[in-house]
Amino acid sequence: MTQLLFFGRLGDLAGGVERTMTLSQPHAIADIIGLLDASDRLLGSALGEPRVRYAINGAIVDADALVEDEDELAFLPPVSGG
């Protein structure tokens, strides 16, 4: 199973920080966002925002990166500092 992690406000939109998903074959992150969007348009829209970053197994990647079953995919919202 792939572990999905949602940080910051994305966790609020997802209804929790963690979900799991079974992937029968590798999927691009953009495709996973599409699957999530099909069941929750608000979450899918937020995950697709240009400032959201993605990490597979701790490494920052682009939306076209492939996620395999057993990977950890983290959705990282924009942060502000001061």
PDB file of N, CA and C in Angstrom:
ATOM      1  N   MET A   1       0.822  -1.182   0.000  1.00  0.00           N
ATOM      2  CA  MET A   1       0.000   0.000   0.000  1.00  0.00           C
ATOM      3  C   MET A   1       0.866   1.245   0.000  1.00  0.00           C
ATOM      4  N   THR A   2       0.433   2.232  -0.730  1.00  0.00           N
ATOM      5  CA  THR A   2       1.098   3.520  -0.751  1.00  0.00           C
ATOM      6  C   THR A   2       0.548   4.365   0.386  1.00  0.00           C
ATOM      7  N   GLN A   3       1.432   4.997   1.113  1.00  0.00           N
ATOM      8  CA  GLN A   3       1.016   5.867   2.206  1.00  0.00           C
ATOM      9  C   GLN A   3       0.994   7.301   1.699  1.00  0.00           C
ATOM     10  N   LEU A   4      -0.144   7.967   1.862  1.00  0.00           N
ATOM     11  CA  LEU A   4      -0.296   9.364   1.485  1.00  0.00           C
ATOM     12  C   LEU A   4      -0.273  10.205   2.753  1.00  0.00           C
ATOM     13  N   LEU A   5       0.549  11.242   2.761  1.00  0.00           N
ATOM     14  CA  LEU A   5       0.648  12.133   3.908  1.00  0.00           C
ATOM     15  C   LEU A   5       0.255  13.538   3.479  1.00  0.00           C
ATOM     16  N   PHE A   6      -0.590  14.166   4.270  1.00  0.00           N
ATOM     17  CA  PHE A   6      -1.090  15.509   3.973  1.00  0.00           C
ATOM     18  C   PHE A   6      -0.688  16.428   5.120  1.00  0.00           C
ATOM     19  N   PHE A   7       0.092  17.465   4.819  1.00  0.00           N
ATOM     20  CA  PHE A   7       0.579  18.355   5.858  1.00  0.00           C
ATOM     21  C   PHE A   7      -0.161  19.688   5.835  1.00  0.00           C
ATOM     22  N   GLY A   8      -0.150  20.362   6.980  1.00  0.00           N
ATOM     23  CA  GLY A   8      -0.768  21.671   7.097  1.00  0.00           C
ATOM     24  C   GLY A   8      -2.249  21.640   6.778  1.00  0.00           C
ATOM     25  N   ARG A   9      -2.696  22.661   6.073  1.00  0.00           N
ATOM     26  CA  ARG A   9      -4.126  22.761   5.753  1.00  0.00           C
ATOM     27  C   ARG A   9      -4.601  21.626   4.850  1.00  0.00           C
ATOM     28  N   LEU A  10      -3.672  20.990   4.141  1.00  0.00           N
ATOM     29  CA  LEU A  10      -4.046  19.856   3.286  1.00  0.00           C
ATOM     30  C   LEU A  10      -4.561  18.698   4.138  1.00  0.00           C
ATOM     31  N   GLY A  11      -3.994  18.519   5.331  1.00  0.00           N
ATOM     32  CA  GLY A  11      -4.483  17.495   6.252  1.00  0.00           C
ATOM     33  C   GLY A  11      -5.896  17.791   6.710  1.00  0.00           C
ATOM     34  N   ASP A  12      -6.193  19.077   6.918  1.00  0.00           N
ATOM     35  CA  ASP A  12      -7.548  19.469   7.301  1.00  0.00           C
ATOM     36  C   ASP A  12      -8.526  19.131   6.178  1.00  0.00           C
ATOM     37  N   LEU A  13      -8.153  19.459   4.941  1.00  0.00           N
ATOM     38  CA  LEU A  13      -9.018  19.182   3.801  1.00  0.00           C
ATOM     39  C   LEU A  13      -9.192  17.681   3.566  1.00  0.00           C
ATOM     40  N   ALA A  14      -8.139  16.914   3.839  1.00  0.00           N
ATOM     41  CA  ALA A  14      -8.180  15.460   3.621  1.00  0.00           C
ATOM     42  C   ALA A  14      -8.907  14.729   4.746  1.00  0.00           C
ATOM     43  N   GLY A  15      -9.199  15.441   5.829  1.00  0.00           N
ATOM     44  CA  GLY A  15      -9.862  14.800   6.963  1.00  0.00           C
ATOM     45  C   GLY A  15      -8.905  14.003   7.829  1.00  0.00           C
ATOM     46  N   GLY A  16      -7.632  14.269   7.694  1.00  0.00           N
ATOM     47  CA  GLY A  16      -6.604  13.576   8.480  1.00  0.00           C
ATOM     48  C   GLY A  16      -5.269  13.671   7.782  1.00  0.00           C
ATOM     49  N   VAL A  17      -4.235  13.383   8.508  1.00  0.00           N
ATOM     50  CA  VAL A  17      -2.877  13.527   7.990  1.00  0.00           C
ATOM     51  C   VAL A  17      -2.464  12.356   7.101  1.00  0.00           C
ATOM     52  N   GLU A  18      -3.111  11.225   7.245  1.00  0.00           N
ATOM     53  CA  GLU A  18      -2.634  10.019   6.583  1.00  0.00           C
ATOM     54  C   GLU A  18      -3.779   9.242   5.927  1.00  0.00           C
ATOM     55  N   ARG A  19      -3.487   8.716   4.737  1.00  0.00           N
ATOM     56  CA  ARG A  19      -4.386   7.793   4.034  1.00  0.00           C
ATOM     57  C   ARG A  19      -3.513   6.734   3.374  1.00  0.00           C
ATOM     58  N   THR A  20      -4.131   5.641   2.978  1.00  0.00           N
ATOM     59  CA  THR A  20      -3.413   4.642   2.190  1.00  0.00           C
ATOM     60  C   THR A  20      -4.155   4.407   0.885  1.00  0.00           C
ATOM     61  N   MET A  21      -3.400   3.955  -0.106  1.00  0.00           N
ATOM     62  CA  MET A  21      -3.958   3.681  -1.430  1.00  0.00           C
ATOM     63  C   MET A  21      -3.173   2.514  -2.014  1.00  0.00           C
ATOM     64  N   THR A  22      -3.860   1.584  -2.622  1.00  0.00           N
ATOM     65  CA  THR A  22      -3.199   0.474  -3.291  1.00  0.00           C
ATOM     66  C   THR A  22      -3.057   0.796  -4.768  1.00  0.00           C
ATOM     67  N   LEU A  23      -1.840   0.688  -5.276  1.00  0.00           N
ATOM     68  CA  LEU A  23      -1.567   0.947  -6.684  1.00  0.00           C
ATOM     69  C   LEU A  23      -1.154  -0.359  -7.354  1.00  0.00           C
ATOM     70  N   SER A  24      -1.875  -0.764  -8.379  1.00  0.00           N
ATOM     71  CA  SER A  24      -1.542  -1.998  -9.087  1.00  0.00           C
ATOM     72  C   SER A  24      -0.375  -1.792 -10.056  1.00  0.00           C
ATOM     73  N   GLN A  25      -0.114  -0.541 -10.395  1.00  0.00           N
ATOM     74  CA  GLN A  25       1.003  -0.183 -11.265  1.00  0.00           C
ATOM     75  C   GLN A  25       1.445   1.225 -10.894  1.00  0.00           C
ATOM     76  N   PRO A  26       2.630   1.652 -11.310  1.00  0.00           N
ATOM     77  CA  PRO A  26       3.073   3.010 -10.982  1.00  0.00           C
ATOM     78  C   PRO A  26       2.131   4.065 -11.571  1.00  0.00           C
ATOM     79  N   HIS A  27       1.924   5.128 -10.814  1.00  0.00           N
ATOM     80  CA  HIS A  27       1.087   6.252 -11.242  1.00  0.00           C
ATOM     81  C   HIS A  27       1.873   7.544 -11.051  1.00  0.00           C
ATOM     82  N   ALA A  28       1.703   8.486 -11.965  1.00  0.00           N
ATOM     83  CA  ALA A  28       2.262   9.826 -11.782  1.00  0.00           C
ATOM     84  C   ALA A  28       1.495  10.506 -10.653  1.00  0.00           C
ATOM     85  N   ILE A  29       2.157  11.399  -9.953  1.00  0.00           N
ATOM     86  CA  ILE A  29       1.500  12.127  -8.868  1.00  0.00           C
ATOM     87  C   ILE A  29       0.278  12.861  -9.407  1.00  0.00           C
ATOM     88  N   ALA A  30       0.386  13.451 -10.583  1.00  0.00           N
ATOM     89  CA  ALA A  30      -0.753  14.152 -11.178  1.00  0.00           C
ATOM     90  C   ALA A  30      -1.951  13.214 -11.346  1.00  0.00           C
ATOM     91  N   ASP A  31      -1.708  11.958 -11.679  1.00  0.00           N
ATOM     92  CA  ASP A  31      -2.798  10.980 -11.823  1.00  0.00           C
ATOM     93  C   ASP A  31      -3.409  10.643 -10.463  1.00  0.00           C
ATOM     94  N   ILE A  32      -2.574  10.556  -9.437  1.00  0.00           N
ATOM     95  CA  ILE A  32      -3.084  10.282  -8.086  1.00  0.00           C
ATOM     96  C   ILE A  32      -3.951  11.453  -7.619  1.00  0.00           C
ATOM     97  N   ILE A  33      -3.510  12.665  -7.916  1.00  0.00           N
ATOM     98  CA  ILE A  33      -4.327  13.828  -7.581  1.00  0.00           C
ATOM     99  C   ILE A  33      -5.665  13.744  -8.302  1.00  0.00           C
ATOM    100  N   GLY A  34      -5.658  13.305  -9.539  1.00  0.00           N
ATOM    101  CA  GLY A  34      -6.906  13.127 -10.296  1.00  0.00           C
ATOM    102  C   GLY A  34      -7.831  12.112  -9.642  1.00  0.00           C
ATOM    103  N   LEU A  35      -7.268  11.019  -9.144  1.00  0.00           N
ATOM    104  CA  LEU A  35      -8.077  10.013  -8.450  1.00  0.00           C
ATOM    105  C   LEU A  35      -8.687  10.592  -7.170  1.00  0.00           C
ATOM    106  N   LEU A  36      -7.900  11.351  -6.431  1.00  0.00           N
ATOM    107  CA  LEU A  36      -8.397  11.972  -5.202  1.00  0.00           C
ATOM    108  C   LEU A  36      -9.451  13.033  -5.533  1.00  0.00           C
ATOM    109  N   ASP A  37      -9.235  13.759  -6.612  1.00  0.00           N
ATOM    110  CA  ASP A  37     -10.162  14.799  -7.046  1.00  0.00           C
ATOM    111  C   ASP A  37     -11.529  14.210  -7.416  1.00  0.00           C
ATOM    112  N   ALA A  38     -11.529  13.002  -7.965  1.00  0.00           N
ATOM    113  CA  ALA A  38     -12.783  12.365  -8.362  1.00  0.00           C
ATOM    114  C   ALA A  38     -13.703  12.122  -7.173  1.00  0.00           C
ATOM    115  N   SER A  39     -13.122  11.911  -5.997  1.00  0.00           N
ATOM    116  CA  SER A  39     -13.952  11.660  -4.813  1.00  0.00           C
ATOM    117  C   SER A  39     -14.074  12.885  -3.905  1.00  0.00           C
ATOM    118  N   ASP A  40     -13.184  13.875  -4.086  1.00  0.00           N
ATOM    119  CA  ASP A  40     -13.206  15.070  -3.235  1.00  0.00           C
ATOM    120  C   ASP A  40     -12.616  16.237  -4.021  1.00  0.00           C
ATOM    121  N   ARG A  41     -13.491  16.992  -4.679  1.00  0.00           N
ATOM    122  CA  ARG A  41     -13.044  18.075  -5.567  1.00  0.00           C
ATOM    123  C   ARG A  41     -12.266  19.164  -4.832  1.00  0.00           C
ATOM    124  N   LEU A  42     -12.656  19.467  -3.599  1.00  0.00           N
ATOM    125  CA  LEU A  42     -11.967  20.503  -2.839  1.00  0.00           C
ATOM    126  C   LEU A  42     -10.525  20.084  -2.537  1.00  0.00           C
ATOM    127  N   LEU A  43     -10.349  18.851  -2.098  1.00  0.00           N
ATOM    128  CA  LEU A  43      -9.011  18.333  -1.828  1.00  0.00           C
ATOM    129  C   LEU A  43      -8.194  18.259  -3.113  1.00  0.00           C
ATOM    130  N   GLY A  44      -8.773  17.707  -4.163  1.00  0.00           N
ATOM    131  CA  GLY A  44      -8.061  17.584  -5.435  1.00  0.00           C
ATOM    132  C   GLY A  44      -7.602  18.927  -5.970  1.00  0.00           C
ATOM    133  N   SER A  45      -8.461  19.922  -5.851  1.00  0.00           N
ATOM    134  CA  SER A  45      -8.117  21.264  -6.300  1.00  0.00           C
ATOM    135  C   SER A  45      -6.951  21.827  -5.483  1.00  0.00           C
ATOM    136  N   ALA A  46      -6.989  21.633  -4.177  1.00  0.00           N
ATOM    137  CA  ALA A  46      -5.920  22.133  -3.305  1.00  0.00           C
ATOM    138  C   ALA A  46      -4.594  21.427  -3.597  1.00  0.00           C
ATOM    139  N   LEU A  47      -4.646  20.124  -3.841  1.00  0.00           N
ATOM    140  CA  LEU A  47      -3.413  19.364  -4.100  1.00  0.00           C
ATOM    141  C   LEU A  47      -2.772  19.762  -5.419  1.00  0.00           C
ATOM    142  N   GLY A  48      -3.575  20.237  -6.356  1.00  0.00           N
ATOM    143  CA  GLY A  48      -3.062  20.626  -7.666  1.00  0.00           C
ATOM    144  C   GLY A  48      -2.588  22.067  -7.754  1.00  0.00           C
ATOM    145  N   GLU A  49      -2.682  22.821  -6.663  1.00  0.00           N
ATOM    146  CA  GLU A  49      -2.228  24.208  -6.686  1.00  0.00           C
ATOM    147  C   GLU A  49      -0.736  24.264  -7.017  1.00  0.00           C
ATOM    148  N   PRO A  50      -0.323  25.274  -7.773  1.00  0.00           N
ATOM    149  CA  PRO A  50       1.078  25.337  -8.214  1.00  0.00           C
ATOM    150  C   PRO A  50       2.111  25.428  -7.094  1.00  0.00           C
ATOM    151  N   ARG A  51       1.745  25.938  -5.943  1.00  0.00           N
ATOM    152  CA  ARG A  51       2.727  26.090  -4.859  1.00  0.00           C
ATOM    153  C   ARG A  51       2.833  24.854  -3.968  1.00  0.00           C
ATOM    154  N   VAL A  52       1.967  23.871  -4.168  1.00  0.00           N
ATOM    155  CA  VAL A  52       2.063  22.625  -3.394  1.00  0.00           C
ATOM    156  C   VAL A  52       3.242  21.822  -3.936  1.00  0.00           C
ATOM    157  N   ARG A  53       4.033  21.274  -3.045  1.00  0.00           N
ATOM    158  CA  ARG A  53       5.179  20.444  -3.422  1.00  0.00           C
ATOM    159  C   ARG A  53       4.891  18.994  -3.060  1.00  0.00           C
ATOM    160  N   TYR A  54       5.633  18.088  -3.680  1.00  0.00           N
ATOM    161  CA  TYR A  54       5.431  16.660  -3.481  1.00  0.00           C
ATOM    162  C   TYR A  54       6.757  16.008  -3.122  1.00  0.00           C
ATOM    163  N   ALA A  55       6.679  14.994  -2.270  1.00  0.00           N
ATOM    164  CA  ALA A  55       7.879  14.237  -1.909  1.00  0.00           C
ATOM    165  C   ALA A  55       7.549  12.750  -1.943  1.00  0.00           C
ATOM    166  N   ILE A  56       8.400  11.982  -2.596  1.00  0.00           N
ATOM    167  CA  ILE A  56       8.278  10.528  -2.609  1.00  0.00           C
ATOM    168  C   ILE A  56       9.428   9.994  -1.769  1.00  0.00           C
ATOM    169  N   ASN A  57       9.084   9.274  -0.725  1.00  0.00           N
ATOM    170  CA  ASN A  57      10.075   8.696   0.180  1.00  0.00           C
ATOM    171  C   ASN A  57      11.094   9.737   0.650  1.00  0.00           C
ATOM    172  N   GLY A  58      10.605  10.945   0.914  1.00  0.00           N
ATOM    173  CA  GLY A  58      11.443  11.998   1.472  1.00  0.00           C
ATOM    174  C   GLY A  58      12.172  12.865   0.462  1.00  0.00           C
ATOM    175  N   ALA A  59      12.069  12.563  -0.820  1.00  0.00           N
ATOM    176  CA  ALA A  59      12.749  13.348  -1.854  1.00  0.00           C
ATOM    177  C   ALA A  59      11.729  14.202  -2.606  1.00  0.00           C
ATOM    178  N   ILE A  60      11.997  15.510  -2.717  1.00  0.00           N
ATOM    179  CA  ILE A  60      11.114  16.419  -3.440  1.00  0.00           C
ATOM    180  C   ILE A  60      11.148  16.058  -4.931  1.00  0.00           C
ATOM    181  N   VAL A  61       9.942  15.957  -5.521  1.00  0.00           N
ATOM    182  CA  VAL A  61       9.819  15.562  -6.924  1.00  0.00           C
ATOM    183  C   VAL A  61       8.768  16.433  -7.611  1.00  0.00           C
ATOM    184  N   ASP A  62       8.683  16.320  -8.933  1.00  0.00           N
ATOM    185  CA  ASP A  62       7.666  17.012  -9.719  1.00  0.00           C
ATOM    186  C   ASP A  62       6.407  16.157  -9.824  1.00  0.00           C
ATOM    187  N   ALA A  63       5.327  16.763 -10.301  1.00  0.00           N
ATOM    188  CA  ALA A  63       4.035  16.077 -10.397  1.00  0.00           C
ATOM    189  C   ALA A  63       4.042  14.919 -11.397  1.00  0.00           C
ATOM    190  N   ASP A  64       5.032  14.868 -12.287  1.00  0.00           N
ATOM    191  CA  ASP A  64       5.088  13.769 -13.249  1.00  0.00           C
ATOM    192  C   ASP A  64       5.888  12.573 -12.731  1.00  0.00           C
ATOM    193  N   ALA A  65       6.430  12.675 -11.515  1.00  0.00           N
ATOM    194  CA  ALA A  65       7.174  11.557 -10.916  1.00  0.00           C
ATOM    195  C   ALA A  65       6.243  10.379 -10.666  1.00  0.00           C
ATOM    196  N   LEU A  66       6.783   9.187 -10.810  1.00  0.00           N
ATOM    197  CA  LEU A  66       5.984   7.972 -10.624  1.00  0.00           C
ATOM    198  C   LEU A  66       6.020   7.482  -9.178  1.00  0.00           C
ATOM    199  N   VAL A  67       4.850   7.135  -8.693  1.00  0.00           N
ATOM    200  CA  VAL A  67       4.686   6.577  -7.352  1.00  0.00           C
ATOM    201  C   VAL A  67       4.361   5.101  -7.515  1.00  0.00           C
ATOM    202  N   GLU A  68       5.053   4.272  -6.766  1.00  0.00           N
ATOM    203  CA  GLU A  68       4.809   2.835  -6.802  1.00  0.00           C
ATOM    204  C   GLU A  68       4.171   2.393  -5.495  1.00  0.00           C
ATOM    205  N   ASP A  69       3.523   1.228  -5.550  1.00  0.00           N
ATOM    206  CA  ASP A  69       2.957   0.668  -4.324  1.00  0.00           C
ATOM    207  C   ASP A  69       4.095   0.507  -3.316  1.00  0.00           C
ATOM    208  N   GLU A  70       3.834   0.774  -2.072  1.00  0.00           N
ATOM    209  CA  GLU A  70       4.795   0.752  -0.964  1.00  0.00           C
ATOM    210  C   GLU A  70       5.578   2.055  -0.806  1.00  0.00           C
ATOM    211  N   ASP A  71       5.407   3.026  -1.720  1.00  0.00           N
ATOM    212  CA  ASP A  71       6.054   4.322  -1.556  1.00  0.00           C
ATOM    213  C   ASP A  71       5.279   5.171  -0.556  1.00  0.00           C
ATOM    214  N   GLU A  72       5.953   6.200  -0.063  1.00  0.00           N
ATOM    215  CA  GLU A  72       5.310   7.227   0.767  1.00  0.00           C
ATOM    216  C   GLU A  72       5.266   8.509  -0.059  1.00  0.00           C
ATOM    217  N   LEU A  73       4.069   9.043  -0.257  1.00  0.00           N
ATOM    218  CA  LEU A  73       3.873  10.277  -1.007  1.00  0.00           C
ATOM    219  C   LEU A  73       3.372  11.350  -0.056  1.00  0.00           C
ATOM    220  N   ALA A  74       4.142  12.428   0.064  1.00  0.00           N
ATOM    221  CA  ALA A  74       3.765  13.523   0.950  1.00  0.00           C
ATOM    222  C   ALA A  74       3.369  14.742   0.116  1.00  0.00           C
ATOM    223  N   PHE A  75       2.282  15.378   0.531  1.00  0.00           N
ATOM    224  CA  PHE A  75       1.814  16.611  -0.086  1.00  0.00           C
ATOM    225  C   PHE A  75       2.168  17.751   0.873  1.00  0.00           C
ATOM    226  N   LEU A  76       2.980  18.692   0.384  1.00  0.00           N
ATOM    227  CA  LEU A  76       3.529  19.748   1.229  1.00  0.00           C
ATOM    228  C   LEU A  76       2.960  21.100   0.809  1.00  0.00           C
ATOM    229  N   PRO A  77       2.180  21.729   1.689  1.00  0.00           N
ATOM    230  CA  PRO A  77       1.598  23.023   1.332  1.00  0.00           C
ATOM    231  C   PRO A  77       2.666  24.118   1.360  1.00  0.00           C
ATOM    232  N   PRO A  78       2.369  25.242   0.727  1.00  0.00           N
ATOM    233  CA  PRO A  78       3.314  26.360   0.833  1.00  0.00           C
ATOM    234  C   PRO A  78       3.406  26.828   2.278  1.00  0.00           C
ATOM    235  N   VAL A  79       4.578  27.265   2.653  1.00  0.00           N
ATOM    236  CA  VAL A  79       4.771  27.789   4.004  1.00  0.00           C
ATOM    237  C   VAL A  79       5.244  29.223   3.896  1.00  0.00           C
ATOM    238  N   SER A  80       4.944  30.001   4.905  1.00  0.00           N
ATOM    239  CA  SER A  80       5.425  31.376   4.924  1.00  0.00           C
ATOM    240  C   SER A  80       6.304  31.559   6.152  1.00  0.00           C
ATOM    241  N   GLY A  81       7.223  32.415   6.024  1.00  0.00           N
ATOM    242  CA  GLY A  81       8.133  32.686   7.131  1.00  0.00           C
ATOM    243  C   GLY A  81       8.174  34.167   7.434  1.00  0.00           C
ATOM    244  N   GLY A  82       8.899  34.478   8.432  1.00  0.00           N
ATOM    245  CA  GLY A  82       8.944  35.910   8.733  1.00  0.00           C
ATOM    246  C   GLY A  82      10.030  36.221   9.718  1.00  0.00           C
TER     247      GLY A  82
END
